[in-house]
Structure formats: C-alpha cells, structure tokens
C-alpha cells in the first residue's frame, strides 16, 4: 500500500487582492514570531543616534 501525498499549503483561488492579503498575513506572522522569539535581539530605540546615522547614505558638501 502506497503512502498518501503530503497536503500542500492552501493557495488562494483568485490572484488579485486576496493573494496580497495572504502575503501580508504570512509576513506579519513571520515578524511576530521573530519578535516573540527568545533568541531575538533587543531592538535599538527609535531616537538613538546610531539609528539616525544609519539612515544617512551620503553627505552633501
């Protein structure tokens, strides 16, 4: 007797807005899981000077 095939992830029927909403759902779930992970690094404060320097890509003379 052969094994049953593994169930695949459900795919949306239409390729429009529903597809995008599923993409957003997956992205949010991934980010939340990452944030709640015990191995996640503590985030740098938004108003820190290091973060401000990171945003600067070039200096105008």
C-alpha atoms as a PDB file:
ATOM      1  CA  UNK A   1       0.000   0.000   0.000  1.00  0.00           C
ATOM      2  CA  UNK A   2       1.495   3.343  -1.040  1.00  0.00           C
ATOM      3  CA  UNK A   3       1.802   6.401   1.191  1.00  0.00           C
ATOM      4  CA  UNK A   4      -0.627   9.286   0.864  1.00  0.00           C
ATOM      5  CA  UNK A   5       0.780  12.505  -0.620  1.00  0.00           C
ATOM      6  CA  UNK A   6       1.621  15.290   1.832  1.00  0.00           C
ATOM      7  CA  UNK A   7      -1.001  18.029   1.976  1.00  0.00           C
ATOM      8  CA  UNK A   8       0.183  21.226   0.277  1.00  0.00           C
ATOM      9  CA  UNK A   9      -0.274  24.763   1.573  1.00  0.00           C
ATOM     10  CA  UNK A  10      -3.622  26.200   0.522  1.00  0.00           C
ATOM     11  CA  UNK A  11      -3.402  28.564  -2.414  1.00  0.00           C
ATOM     12  CA  UNK A  12      -5.884  31.362  -2.979  1.00  0.00           C
ATOM     13  CA  UNK A  13      -8.287  30.913  -5.897  1.00  0.00           C
ATOM     14  CA  UNK A  14      -8.087  34.420  -7.351  1.00  0.00           C
ATOM     15  CA  UNK A  15      -4.761  36.118  -7.998  1.00  0.00           C
ATOM     16  CA  UNK A  16      -5.819  39.651  -7.017  1.00  0.00           C
ATOM     17  CA  UNK A  17      -6.299  41.319  -3.651  1.00  0.00           C
ATOM     18  CA  UNK A  18      -6.720  38.002  -1.846  1.00  0.00           C
ATOM     19  CA  UNK A  19      -3.237  36.930  -2.870  1.00  0.00           C
ATOM     20  CA  UNK A  20      -1.800  40.159  -1.468  1.00  0.00           C
ATOM     21  CA  UNK A  21      -3.716  39.785   1.795  1.00  0.00           C
ATOM     22  CA  UNK A  22      -2.344  36.260   2.217  1.00  0.00           C
ATOM     23  CA  UNK A  23       1.178  37.584   1.558  1.00  0.00           C
ATOM     24  CA  UNK A  24       0.669  40.273   4.214  1.00  0.00           C
ATOM     25  CA  UNK A  25      -0.687  37.690   6.686  1.00  0.00           C
ATOM     26  CA  UNK A  26       2.382  35.497   6.220  1.00  0.00           C
ATOM     27  CA  UNK A  27       4.718  38.490   6.574  1.00  0.00           C
ATOM     28  CA  UNK A  28       3.008  39.636   9.791  1.00  0.00           C
ATOM     29  CA  UNK A  29       3.096  36.128  11.251  1.00  0.00           C
ATOM     30  CA  UNK A  30       6.799  35.817  10.451  1.00  0.00           C
ATOM     31  CA  UNK A  31       7.601  39.190  12.017  1.00  0.00           C
ATOM     32  CA  UNK A  32       5.541  38.463  15.143  1.00  0.00           C
ATOM     33  CA  UNK A  33       7.204  35.075  15.587  1.00  0.00           C
ATOM     34  CA  UNK A  34      10.617  36.687  15.169  1.00  0.00           C
ATOM     35  CA  UNK A  35       9.774  39.406  17.698  1.00  0.00           C
ATOM     36  CA  UNK A  36       8.457  36.935  20.278  1.00  0.00           C
ATOM     37  CA  UNK A  37      11.374  34.554  19.866  1.00  0.00           C
ATOM     38  CA  UNK A  38      13.579  34.095  22.973  1.00  0.00           C
ATOM     39  CA  UNK A  39      16.618  34.457  20.690  1.00  0.00           C
ATOM     40  CA  UNK A  40      15.529  37.828  19.271  1.00  0.00           C
ATOM     41  CA  UNK A  41      17.990  40.655  19.885  1.00  0.00           C
ATOM     42  CA  UNK A  42      16.700  43.681  21.786  1.00  0.00           C
ATOM     43  CA  UNK A  43      15.657  46.420  19.354  1.00  0.00           C
ATOM     44  CA  UNK A  44      17.571  49.716  19.324  1.00  0.00           C
ATOM     45  CA  UNK A  45      15.499  52.689  20.485  1.00  0.00           C
ATOM     46  CA  UNK A  46      13.975  54.747  17.679  1.00  0.00           C
ATOM     47  CA  UNK A  47      15.513  58.019  18.840  1.00  0.00           C
ATOM     48  CA  UNK A  48      19.052  56.672  19.198  1.00  0.00           C
ATOM     49  CA  UNK A  49      21.919  58.473  17.449  1.00  0.00           C
ATOM     50  CA  UNK A  50      23.200  55.225  15.889  1.00  0.00           C
ATOM     51  CA  UNK A  51      19.890  54.697  14.116  1.00  0.00           C
ATOM     52  CA  UNK A  52      19.933  58.276  12.820  1.00  0.00           C
ATOM     53  CA  UNK A  53      23.422  57.756  11.382  1.00  0.00           C
ATOM     54  CA  UNK A  54      22.313  54.537   9.719  1.00  0.00           C
ATOM     55  CA  UNK A  55      19.673  56.460   7.752  1.00  0.00           C
ATOM     56  CA  UNK A  56      22.240  58.864   6.270  1.00  0.00           C
ATOM     57  CA  UNK A  57      23.545  57.489   2.987  1.00  0.00           C
ATOM     58  CA  UNK A  58      25.502  60.474   1.659  1.00  0.00           C
ATOM     59  CA  UNK A  59      26.688  63.841   2.912  1.00  0.00           C
ATOM     60  CA  UNK A  60      26.236  66.914   0.746  1.00  0.00           C
ATOM     61  CA  UNK A  61      29.231  69.276   0.698  1.00  0.00           C
END
